[in-house]
């Protein structure tokens, strides 16, 4: 009497095609996902020297925490060719500052970036007549009083174009 043998699994060329497709498909999918995340989450801010920026990072974080603890906040308004900025205290009292400079930066690219120094109007309000091109801007505010920095605030703003 003969015993019946069952045929064991044989790895064929088609199996190899499936394995290779799954392997490279996974790698390509992850690369596309990471590229999409990079292009949709990168702020685009450019620093002249990344090494120096990395060395200064902890100091800037400490300064930002100290400035945040003061309770000062700011808000920018851009309308009709005028830029207005109000500095206030979280307790509601206005803050006097000697100087206020706004640094306008595009999220990507540097060719449209500019800085403006606003004139104090009193009660923590500053203003300047200046046209701002439509689009997204990252606005960095620096205020000082008696030569000492009292506010550093960054805000991302969408400036709408003129109504047509």
Protein backbone atom coordinates (compact mmCIF):
# COMPACT_ATOMS: atom_id res chain seq x y z
CA UNK A 1 0.00 0.00 0.00
CA UNK A 2 1.32 3.38 -0.98
CA UNK A 3 0.99 6.39 1.28
CA UNK A 4 -0.41 9.49 -0.27
CA UNK A 5 1.85 12.43 -0.02
CA UNK A 6 0.42 15.89 0.04
CA UNK A 7 2.30 18.45 -1.94
CA UNK A 8 4.02 21.01 0.30
CA UNK A 9 4.07 24.74 -0.39
CA UNK A 10 6.22 25.83 -3.31
CA UNK A 11 7.47 29.41 -3.44
CA UNK A 12 7.01 30.58 -7.02
CA UNK A 13 7.91 33.66 -9.00
CA UNK A 14 4.42 35.08 -8.41
CA UNK A 15 4.97 34.90 -4.69
CA UNK A 16 8.19 36.87 -5.12
CA UNK A 17 6.37 39.52 -7.15
CA UNK A 18 3.81 39.90 -4.33
CA UNK A 19 6.53 40.14 -1.67
CA UNK A 20 8.52 42.73 -3.65
CA UNK A 21 5.39 44.77 -4.43
CA UNK A 22 4.36 44.84 -0.77
CA UNK A 23 7.89 45.68 0.39
CA UNK A 24 8.51 48.55 -2.01
CA UNK A 25 4.87 49.67 -1.86
CA UNK A 26 5.23 50.16 1.90
CA UNK A 27 8.47 52.13 1.50
CA UNK A 28 7.06 54.33 -1.27
CA UNK A 29 3.81 54.92 0.66
CA UNK A 30 5.70 56.02 3.78
CA UNK A 31 7.93 58.32 1.71
CA UNK A 32 4.93 59.97 0.06
CA UNK A 33 3.24 60.41 3.44
CA UNK A 34 6.35 61.98 4.96
CA UNK A 35 6.82 64.28 1.97
CA UNK A 36 3.20 65.40 2.24
CA UNK A 37 3.59 66.06 5.97
CA UNK A 38 6.79 68.05 5.35
CA UNK A 39 5.22 70.28 2.71
CA UNK A 40 2.07 70.92 4.75
CA UNK A 41 3.58 71.47 8.18
CA UNK A 42 6.87 73.25 7.54
CA UNK A 43 6.82 76.89 8.59
CA UNK A 44 9.35 77.78 5.92
CA UNK A 45 11.21 80.16 8.16
CA UNK A 46 14.83 80.29 7.12
CA UNK A 47 17.81 80.91 9.39
CA UNK A 48 21.20 81.95 8.04
CA UNK A 49 23.11 79.35 10.07
CA UNK A 50 21.31 76.31 11.46
CA UNK A 51 24.15 75.45 13.86
CA UNK A 52 24.09 78.89 15.50
CA UNK A 53 20.28 78.79 15.64
CA UNK A 54 20.39 75.42 17.41
CA UNK A 55 22.89 76.75 19.96
CA UNK A 56 20.69 79.77 20.71
CA UNK A 57 17.46 77.75 20.97
CA UNK A 58 17.47 77.07 24.73
CA UNK A 59 18.22 80.71 25.52
CA UNK A 60 15.36 81.85 23.31
CA UNK A 61 12.98 79.37 24.98
CA UNK A 62 13.98 80.68 28.42
CA UNK A 63 13.46 84.29 27.29
CA UNK A 64 10.06 83.40 25.77
CA UNK A 65 8.95 81.78 29.06
CA UNK A 66 10.06 84.84 31.03
CA UNK A 67 8.24 87.20 28.66
CA UNK A 68 5.09 85.03 28.75
CA UNK A 69 5.13 85.15 32.55
CA UNK A 70 4.77 88.96 32.46
CA UNK A 71 1.19 88.61 31.22
CA UNK A 72 1.66 90.94 28.26
CA UNK A 73 -0.13 90.06 25.05
CA UNK A 74 -0.51 91.69 21.67
CA UNK A 75 -2.89 91.72 18.74
CA UNK A 76 -2.31 92.97 15.20
CA UNK A 77 -4.95 94.45 12.91
CA UNK A 78 -4.35 95.17 9.24
CA UNK A 79 -7.02 97.10 7.38
CA UNK A 80 -7.19 99.71 4.66
CA UNK A 81 -3.47 100.42 4.35
CA UNK A 82 -2.99 100.75 8.11
CA UNK A 83 -1.29 98.42 10.56
CA UNK A 84 -2.42 98.67 14.18
CA UNK A 85 -1.04 96.76 17.14
CA UNK A 86 -2.38 96.76 20.68
CA UNK A 87 -0.32 95.66 23.67
CA UNK A 88 -2.31 94.77 26.76
CA UNK A 89 -1.91 93.01 30.06
CA UNK A 90 -3.88 89.87 30.90
CA UNK A 91 -5.38 91.77 33.83
CA UNK A 92 -6.80 94.29 31.36
CA UNK A 93 -4.51 97.21 32.05
CA UNK A 94 -2.81 98.87 29.07
CA UNK A 95 0.94 98.82 28.75
CA UNK A 96 3.18 101.66 27.68
CA UNK A 97 6.14 100.77 25.51
CA UNK A 98 8.79 103.02 23.96
CA UNK A 99 9.15 101.15 20.68
CA UNK A 100 7.27 98.50 18.77
CA UNK A 101 8.68 96.84 15.68
CA UNK A 102 6.78 94.34 13.55
CA UNK A 103 8.69 91.90 11.37
CA UNK A 104 6.55 90.64 8.48
CA UNK A 105 7.74 87.29 7.09
CA UNK A 106 6.23 85.10 4.40
CA UNK A 107 5.96 81.43 5.41
CA UNK A 108 8.10 80.49 2.41
CA UNK A 109 10.64 82.77 0.78
CA UNK A 110 12.23 86.03 1.86
CA UNK A 111 11.80 88.40 -1.08
CA UNK A 112 8.65 90.13 0.32
CA UNK A 113 9.74 90.30 3.98
CA UNK A 114 9.85 93.70 5.66
CA UNK A 115 10.04 95.40 9.05
CA UNK A 116 8.08 98.42 10.29
CA UNK A 117 8.34 100.49 13.45
CA UNK A 118 4.95 101.67 14.64
CA UNK A 119 4.23 105.02 16.30
CA UNK A 120 2.70 104.98 19.80
CA UNK A 121 -0.83 106.40 20.00
CA UNK A 122 -1.21 105.91 23.75
CA UNK A 123 -2.93 103.30 25.87
CA UNK A 124 -0.81 100.49 24.43
CA UNK A 125 -1.94 101.18 20.86
CA UNK A 126 0.55 101.61 18.01
CA UNK A 127 -0.10 102.32 14.32
CA UNK A 128 1.51 103.06 10.97
CA UNK A 129 0.21 103.66 7.46
CA UNK A 130 1.65 100.85 5.35
CA UNK A 131 0.22 98.63 2.63
CA UNK A 132 0.54 94.88 3.16
CA UNK A 133 0.24 92.49 0.24
CA UNK A 134 -2.52 89.88 0.50
CA UNK A 135 -1.69 86.38 1.64
CA UNK A 136 -0.32 84.63 4.68
CA UNK A 137 2.20 86.42 6.87
CA UNK A 138 4.03 85.46 10.04
CA UNK A 139 4.22 88.64 12.09
CA UNK A 140 6.74 88.87 14.88
CA UNK A 141 6.28 91.78 17.32
CA UNK A 142 9.07 93.14 19.50
CA UNK A 143 8.30 95.83 22.06
CA UNK A 144 10.73 97.45 24.42
CA UNK A 145 10.58 99.90 27.27
CA UNK A 146 13.65 101.77 28.53
CA UNK A 147 15.81 99.66 26.20
CA UNK A 148 14.59 96.35 27.65
CA UNK A 149 12.47 93.88 25.69
CA UNK A 150 9.05 93.56 27.29
CA UNK A 151 7.12 91.70 24.59
CA UNK A 152 7.90 89.17 21.90
CA UNK A 153 4.82 87.86 20.16
CA UNK A 154 4.43 85.88 16.94
CA UNK A 155 1.18 85.61 15.07
CA UNK A 156 0.22 84.02 11.75
CA UNK A 157 -2.15 86.30 9.85
CA UNK A 158 -4.07 86.00 6.60
CA UNK A 159 -4.36 89.36 4.85
CA UNK A 160 -7.26 89.45 2.43
CA UNK A 161 -7.03 91.21 -0.91
CA UNK A 162 -9.07 94.24 -1.88
CA UNK A 163 -12.75 93.53 -2.52
CA UNK A 164 -13.56 93.38 -6.21
